Amino acid sequence: ARAVRDSQLEIGAVRAGEWLGVNAGKVICVDPESPGQVVAQLVKKLIQPSHELLTLIEGEGSTPAATRTATEAVTAAGYELEIEVHKGGQPIYAYLIGLE
């Protein structure tokens, strides 16, 4: 999701318009430009050795370039994950992600 206003969070300052990575109702990462980079950061923070599949569900604010950024960053990080991308069309969230 995108920040709608400037805020001070546990992870630091957040500016309106920045992309937020949220897990369990808590913002755990921020990127000023790319929802794709937020996806890559979320995967890095949440991945477990047992995970084999990353599912990205594209919603409002996703773009082909951001999806490519996310998948390339995850692959470049060396995670041995199968990656599936689906059109979801959900409002507010550029991506929903699942790690299985």
C-alpha atoms as a PDB file:
ATOM      1  CA  ALA A   1       0.000   0.000   0.000  1.00  0.00           C
ATOM      2  CA  ARG A   2       1.043   3.615  -0.288  1.00  0.00           C
ATOM      3  CA  ALA A   3       1.422   5.884   2.721  1.00  0.00           C
ATOM      4  CA  VAL A   4      -1.304   8.538   2.675  1.00  0.00           C
ATOM      5  CA  ARG A   5       0.495  10.919   5.042  1.00  0.00           C
ATOM      6  CA  ASP A   6       3.841  11.502   6.684  1.00  0.00           C
ATOM      7  CA  SER A   7       4.238   9.380   9.818  1.00  0.00           C
ATOM      8  CA  GLN A   8       6.760   8.282  12.381  1.00  0.00           C
ATOM      9  CA  LEU A   9       6.655   4.490  12.807  1.00  0.00           C
ATOM     10  CA  GLU A  10       8.721   1.970  14.733  1.00  0.00           C
ATOM     11  CA  ILE A  11      10.850   1.445  11.610  1.00  0.00           C
ATOM     12  CA  GLY A  12      11.423   5.192  11.188  1.00  0.00           C
ATOM     13  CA  ALA A  13      10.006   8.118   9.272  1.00  0.00           C
ATOM     14  CA  VAL A  14       7.591   7.439   6.437  1.00  0.00           C
ATOM     15  CA  ARG A  15       6.633  10.045   3.840  1.00  0.00           C
ATOM     16  CA  ALA A  16       3.303  10.306   2.044  1.00  0.00           C
ATOM     17  CA  GLY A  17       3.446   8.368  -1.213  1.00  0.00           C
ATOM     18  CA  GLU A  18       6.066   5.843  -0.124  1.00  0.00           C
ATOM     19  CA  TRP A  19       5.324   2.155  -0.606  1.00  0.00           C
ATOM     20  CA  LEU A  20       4.751   0.176   2.590  1.00  0.00           C
ATOM     21  CA  GLY A  21       5.370  -3.508   3.204  1.00  0.00           C
ATOM     22  CA  VAL A  22       2.913  -4.789   5.781  1.00  0.00           C
ATOM     23  CA  ASN A  23       2.881  -8.118   7.605  1.00  0.00           C
ATOM     24  CA  ALA A  24       0.406  -9.048  10.326  1.00  0.00           C
ATOM     25  CA  GLY A  25      -0.882  -5.468  10.418  1.00  0.00           C
ATOM     26  CA  LYS A  26       2.557  -3.970  10.975  1.00  0.00           C
ATOM     27  CA  VAL A  27       4.693  -1.953   8.536  1.00  0.00           C
ATOM     28  CA  ILE A  28       8.011  -3.784   8.305  1.00  0.00           C
ATOM     29  CA  CYS A  29       9.624  -2.130   5.278  1.00  0.00           C
ATOM     30  CA  VAL A  30       9.324   0.992   3.121  1.00  0.00           C
ATOM     31  CA  ASP A  31      10.515   2.023  -0.333  1.00  0.00           C
ATOM     32  CA  PRO A  32      10.123   5.528  -1.738  1.00  0.00           C
ATOM     33  CA  GLU A  33       9.727   4.474  -5.366  1.00  0.00           C
ATOM     34  CA  SER A  34       8.858   0.872  -6.080  1.00  0.00           C
ATOM     35  CA  PRO A  35       6.270  -1.589  -4.808  1.00  0.00           C
ATOM     36  CA  GLY A  36       8.456  -4.237  -6.442  1.00  0.00           C
ATOM     37  CA  GLN A  37      11.322  -3.385  -4.103  1.00  0.00           C
ATOM     38  CA  VAL A  38       8.961  -3.618  -1.119  1.00  0.00           C
ATOM     39  CA  VAL A  39       7.963  -7.124  -2.245  1.00  0.00           C
ATOM     40  CA  ALA A  40      11.642  -8.129  -2.414  1.00  0.00           C
ATOM     41  CA  GLN A  41      12.254  -6.666   1.068  1.00  0.00           C
ATOM     42  CA  LEU A  42       9.226  -8.494   2.488  1.00  0.00           C
ATOM     43  CA  VAL A  43      10.385 -11.796   1.037  1.00  0.00           C
ATOM     44  CA  LYS A  44      13.850 -11.270   2.541  1.00  0.00           C
ATOM     45  CA  LYS A  45      12.333 -10.652   5.987  1.00  0.00           C
ATOM     46  CA  LEU A  46       9.737 -13.436   5.871  1.00  0.00           C
ATOM     47  CA  ILE A  47      11.324 -16.305   3.970  1.00  0.00           C
ATOM     48  CA  GLN A  48      11.941 -19.592   5.763  1.00  0.00           C
ATOM     49  CA  PRO A  49      14.010 -22.567   4.537  1.00  0.00           C
ATOM     50  CA  SER A  50      10.819 -24.583   4.049  1.00  0.00           C
ATOM     51  CA  HIS A  51       9.317 -22.103   1.569  1.00  0.00           C
ATOM     52  CA  GLU A  52       9.180 -23.295  -2.033  1.00  0.00           C
ATOM     53  CA  LEU A  53       6.605 -21.017  -3.671  1.00  0.00           C
ATOM     54  CA  LEU A  54       6.148 -17.245  -3.851  1.00  0.00           C
ATOM     55  CA  THR A  55       2.753 -16.121  -5.119  1.00  0.00           C
ATOM     56  CA  LEU A  56       2.308 -12.484  -6.163  1.00  0.00           C
ATOM     57  CA  ILE A  57      -1.219 -11.227  -6.655  1.00  0.00           C
ATOM     58  CA  GLU A  58      -1.201  -7.962  -8.589  1.00  0.00           C
ATOM     59  CA  GLY A  59      -3.598  -5.218  -7.553  1.00  0.00           C
ATOM     60  CA  GLU A  60      -4.087  -1.477  -7.786  1.00  0.00           C
ATOM     61  CA  GLY A  61      -0.721   0.225  -8.235  1.00  0.00           C
ATOM     62  CA  SER A  62       1.116  -2.789  -9.613  1.00  0.00           C
ATOM     63  CA  THR A  63       2.875  -2.438 -12.945  1.00  0.00           C
ATOM     64  CA  PRO A  64       4.689  -4.883 -15.219  1.00  0.00           C
ATOM     65  CA  ALA A  65       7.955  -3.095 -14.366  1.00  0.00           C
ATOM     66  CA  ALA A  66       7.360  -3.394 -10.600  1.00  0.00           C
ATOM     67  CA  THR A  67       6.458  -7.063 -10.938  1.00  0.00           C
ATOM     68  CA  ARG A  68       9.632  -7.642 -12.952  1.00  0.00           C
ATOM     69  CA  THR A  69      11.657  -5.763 -10.290  1.00  0.00           C
ATOM     70  CA  ALA A  70      10.195  -7.973  -7.565  1.00  0.00           C
ATOM     71  CA  THR A  71      10.733 -11.280  -9.359  1.00  0.00           C
ATOM     72  CA  GLU A  72      14.247 -10.372 -10.525  1.00  0.00           C
ATOM     73  CA  ALA A  73      15.275  -9.207  -7.025  1.00  0.00           C
ATOM     74  CA  VAL A  74      13.982 -12.408  -5.438  1.00  0.00           C
ATOM     75  CA  THR A  75      15.738 -14.544  -8.038  1.00  0.00           C
ATOM     76  CA  ALA A  76      18.984 -12.548  -7.772  1.00  0.00           C
ATOM     77  CA  ALA A  77      18.967 -13.014  -3.985  1.00  0.00           C
ATOM     78  CA  GLY A  78      19.421 -16.720  -4.587  1.00  0.00           C
ATOM     79  CA  TYR A  79      16.143 -17.891  -3.109  1.00  0.00           C
ATOM     80  CA  GLU A  80      15.131 -21.171  -4.659  1.00  0.00           C
ATOM     81  CA  LEU A  81      11.482 -20.288  -5.033  1.00  0.00           C
ATOM     82  CA  GLU A  82       9.009 -21.009  -7.771  1.00  0.00           C
ATOM     83  CA  ILE A  83       7.286 -17.703  -8.514  1.00  0.00           C
ATOM     84  CA  GLU A  84       3.679 -17.408  -9.677  1.00  0.00           C
ATOM     85  CA  VAL A  85       2.063 -14.102 -10.656  1.00  0.00           C
ATOM     86  CA  HIS A  86      -1.708 -13.634 -10.824  1.00  0.00           C
ATOM     87  CA  LYS A  87      -3.929 -10.654 -11.605  1.00  0.00           C
ATOM     88  CA  GLY A  88      -6.037  -9.949  -8.538  1.00  0.00           C
ATOM     89  CA  GLY A  89      -7.282  -6.418  -9.074  1.00  0.00           C
ATOM     90  CA  GLN A  90      -7.551  -5.730  -5.339  1.00  0.00           C
ATOM     91  CA  PRO A  91      -7.856  -2.061  -4.343  1.00  0.00           C
ATOM     92  CA  ILE A  92      -5.300  -0.307  -2.117  1.00  0.00           C
ATOM     93  CA  TYR A  93      -2.650  -3.059  -2.218  1.00  0.00           C
ATOM     94  CA  ALA A  94      -0.319  -3.210  -5.221  1.00  0.00           C
ATOM     95  CA  TYR A  95       0.596  -6.774  -4.260  1.00  0.00           C
ATOM     96  CA  LEU A  96      -0.545  -9.470  -1.945  1.00  0.00           C
ATOM     97  CA  ILE A  97       2.147 -12.060  -1.412  1.00  0.00           C
ATOM     98  CA  GLY A  98       2.108 -15.608  -0.211  1.00  0.00           C
ATOM     99  CA  LEU A  99       5.055 -17.758   0.773  1.00  0.00           C
ATOM    100  CA  GLU A 100       4.434 -21.487   0.957  1.00  0.00           C
END
